[in-house]
Every structure is written in structure tokens, then in C-alpha cells.
Amino acid sequence: MRITGLLMGSVAACVFAMPACTSNRLRYADGESPFGDVVISGDQIDARHVRNAWEALQQLVPRYSYTEDRAGRPLAISGHRGRSSIVLANSEQPIVLVDGARLTSLDVLQQMPPDAIDRIELRRGARGTTVEGTDAGAGVIYIHTRSGSD
């Protein structure tokens, strides 16, 4: 009986700690994020005068290496790892999600204008695996668009 009371108290604390809902989507204060270690706002992206989301990531997220083909099309994003890092299967590339949908091709980022981005949230390796699984060993890049975030 006592364990049930403690469990119910924990559930109630989690429910009351949730942020306010707006238009069926959660909104958080500037700089706060349930997903990311780092939050890059749309204003920060606009200040860089980039042409697309791919360039925004290259300029604002130096923790990754960005590979392009000879024509300048995105091929891969890879994480920087030290010698003693443990590498899980398929974990050298971060997972990229746009409004919750996992990207299978990075070409989409080159077609996404910067004014369409509401914010970019970054979650580092081990923290990324807690939400997205072992494939997220190199981290997770959450891109929230303005139309998808409202």
C-alpha cells in the first residue's frame, strides 16, 4: 500500500511538471528543452544569413563533421570521437529528425530554407540513446519547423 502511494505521488509530480500545451504541441521557455543539451533558436539561425538548414548546421553545430559530394550535396554527418570511445553499431552518424520524422536522406536539409526553422535541439551521444535507442550513439539533431511547431 505504501509503495502504491509513493508511485502515485511520483506520477502526479511528473504530470504537474509538464509545460503548458499550445495547439496540441508542447512549448518551452527559451533555452529550455526536454530533448536537447543545446537549443539554437530561429533568431540565431537568421543572424547567420545561411541559405538552408544544411549550412545552418555546418555553421552552428561544430561538434559534427559534414561531408558533401563534389556537387555540394550532403552525404553524411559524423561525430567526433576520442580514442577511448565505445562505438555502438551504426552509431557514427547522429540521427536527424525534422518535426519528429527521421530523415533517410540529408538532401532535405539543403532544400529547407532557414526561415522555416523554429529551432534546432541537440542531444549528445549517451543522452540521445535514452530516447532514440542505440542508433543515436553519436547524438540526435531535432529540427523543429515553424509550421510544425505551432
Protein backbone atom coordinates (compact mmCIF):
# COMPACT_ATOMS: atom_id res chain seq x y z
CA MET A 1 0.00 0.00 0.00
CA ARG A 2 2.83 2.39 0.83
CA ILE A 3 4.65 1.64 -2.44
CA THR A 4 1.49 2.45 -4.40
CA GLY A 5 1.20 5.79 -2.59
CA LEU A 6 4.80 6.68 -3.46
CA LEU A 7 4.28 5.67 -7.07
CA MET A 8 1.11 7.75 -7.36
CA GLY A 9 2.96 10.72 -5.85
CA SER A 10 5.73 10.35 -8.47
CA VAL A 11 3.22 10.18 -11.30
CA ALA A 12 1.40 13.26 -10.00
CA ALA A 13 4.71 15.15 -9.74
CA CYS A 14 5.51 14.30 -13.36
CA VAL A 15 2.09 15.40 -14.57
CA PHE A 16 2.28 18.72 -12.75
CA ALA A 17 5.83 19.35 -14.01
CA MET A 18 4.72 19.23 -17.65
CA PRO A 19 4.92 22.52 -19.59
CA ALA A 20 1.83 24.23 -20.91
CA CYS A 21 0.27 22.95 -24.11
CA THR A 22 -0.42 25.26 -27.01
CA SER A 23 -2.21 23.96 -30.11
CA ASN A 24 -1.59 20.33 -29.09
CA ARG A 25 2.19 20.92 -29.05
CA LEU A 26 4.41 21.48 -26.05
CA ARG A 27 6.12 24.88 -25.81
CA TYR A 28 9.10 25.55 -23.59
CA ALA A 29 10.81 28.70 -22.38
CA ASP A 30 13.80 29.96 -24.37
CA GLY A 31 16.86 27.84 -23.76
CA GLU A 32 14.86 25.00 -22.18
CA SER A 33 14.27 21.74 -23.93
CA PRO A 34 13.14 18.28 -22.95
CA PHE A 35 15.29 16.87 -25.77
CA GLY A 36 18.42 18.89 -26.17
CA ASP A 37 21.64 19.73 -24.47
CA VAL A 38 21.80 22.77 -26.77
CA VAL A 39 18.96 24.80 -28.28
CA ILE A 40 19.59 27.01 -31.31
CA SER A 41 16.78 29.48 -31.91
CA GLY A 42 15.41 30.66 -35.23
CA ASP A 43 16.80 34.12 -34.44
CA GLN A 44 20.31 32.69 -34.09
CA ILE A 45 19.91 30.95 -37.45
CA ASP A 46 18.59 34.14 -39.11
CA ALA A 47 21.59 36.09 -37.80
CA ARG A 48 23.98 33.79 -39.69
CA HIS A 49 22.45 34.57 -43.12
CA VAL A 50 22.66 30.97 -44.27
CA ARG A 51 20.88 29.68 -47.38
CA ASN A 52 19.47 26.45 -45.93
CA ALA A 53 19.33 24.11 -42.92
CA TRP A 54 22.47 22.24 -44.05
CA GLU A 55 24.53 25.45 -43.91
CA ALA A 56 22.97 26.36 -40.57
CA LEU A 57 24.11 23.06 -39.08
CA GLN A 58 27.60 23.47 -40.54
CA GLN A 59 27.99 26.93 -39.01
CA LEU A 60 26.18 26.49 -35.70
CA VAL A 61 26.96 22.89 -34.77
CA PRO A 62 30.74 22.40 -35.00
CA ARG A 63 30.66 19.19 -32.93
CA TYR A 64 29.99 17.23 -36.14
CA SER A 65 31.85 16.81 -39.43
CA TYR A 66 29.82 17.42 -42.58
CA THR A 67 30.60 15.53 -45.79
CA GLU A 68 29.42 16.63 -49.24
CA ASP A 69 29.88 15.18 -52.71
CA ARG A 70 31.66 17.11 -55.47
CA ALA A 71 28.42 18.86 -56.43
CA GLY A 72 27.96 20.12 -52.85
CA ARG A 73 25.12 17.74 -51.93
CA PRO A 74 25.05 16.48 -48.32
CA LEU A 75 26.31 12.93 -47.89
CA ALA A 76 26.88 12.44 -44.18
CA ILE A 77 27.13 13.96 -40.74
CA SER A 78 29.55 12.23 -38.40
CA GLY A 79 30.51 12.71 -34.79
CA HIS A 80 33.95 13.37 -33.37
CA ARG A 81 35.11 10.53 -31.14
CA GLY A 82 38.13 10.10 -28.94
CA ARG A 83 40.37 7.03 -28.87
CA SER A 84 38.73 5.51 -25.82
CA SER A 85 35.16 5.97 -27.04
CA ILE A 86 32.93 2.94 -27.22
CA VAL A 87 31.38 2.68 -30.66
CA LEU A 88 28.00 1.00 -30.97
CA ALA A 89 26.79 -0.45 -34.27
CA ASN A 90 25.82 2.26 -36.79
CA SER A 91 26.42 4.98 -34.22
CA GLU A 92 28.96 7.19 -36.01
CA GLN A 93 26.22 9.36 -37.53
CA PRO A 94 23.72 11.32 -35.46
CA ILE A 95 20.02 10.77 -36.01
CA VAL A 96 18.37 13.77 -37.71
CA LEU A 97 14.66 14.34 -37.04
CA VAL A 98 12.54 17.05 -38.67
CA ASP A 99 9.28 17.61 -36.76
CA GLY A 100 9.62 14.09 -35.37
CA ALA A 101 10.22 12.34 -38.70
CA ARG A 102 13.58 10.63 -39.11
CA LEU A 103 15.47 11.69 -42.22
CA THR A 104 16.71 8.96 -44.53
CA SER A 105 18.38 11.47 -46.86
CA LEU A 106 20.22 14.64 -45.89
CA ASP A 107 19.25 16.30 -49.20
CA VAL A 108 16.12 17.58 -47.45
CA LEU A 109 18.30 19.83 -45.29
CA GLN A 110 19.70 21.57 -48.35
CA GLN A 111 16.18 22.28 -49.59
CA MET A 112 14.91 23.64 -46.24
CA PRO A 113 15.09 27.47 -46.07
CA PRO A 114 16.37 28.93 -42.80
CA ASP A 115 13.21 30.96 -42.20
CA ALA A 116 11.27 27.68 -41.99
CA ILE A 117 13.23 26.62 -38.87
CA ASP A 118 11.79 27.44 -35.45
CA ARG A 119 14.67 25.88 -33.51
CA ILE A 120 17.30 23.13 -33.57
CA GLU A 121 17.86 20.99 -30.48
CA LEU A 122 20.92 18.83 -29.98
CA ARG A 123 21.19 15.83 -27.70
CA ARG A 124 24.60 14.31 -27.14
CA GLY A 125 25.51 10.65 -27.54
CA ALA A 126 24.57 8.80 -24.36
CA ARG A 127 21.63 11.10 -23.71
CA GLY A 128 20.41 10.55 -27.27
CA THR A 129 20.35 6.79 -26.81
CA THR A 130 17.93 7.07 -23.88
CA VAL A 131 15.25 8.47 -26.19
CA GLU A 132 16.11 7.26 -29.69
CA GLY A 133 17.89 3.96 -28.95
CA THR A 134 21.40 2.68 -29.60
CA ASP A 135 21.46 4.10 -33.14
CA ALA A 136 21.78 7.53 -31.54
CA GLY A 137 25.24 6.95 -30.07
CA ALA A 138 26.60 9.96 -31.98
CA GLY A 139 23.69 12.13 -30.84
CA VAL A 140 20.37 13.41 -32.12
CA ILE A 141 19.60 16.58 -34.08
CA TYR A 142 15.99 17.69 -33.66
CA ILE A 143 14.89 20.30 -36.22
CA HIS A 144 11.55 21.93 -35.44
CA THR A 145 9.99 23.90 -38.29
CA ARG A 146 7.82 26.94 -37.76
CA SER A 147 4.78 25.34 -39.39
CA GLY A 148 5.28 22.07 -37.49
CA SER A 149 5.99 23.71 -34.12
CA ASP A 150 2.81 25.77 -33.76
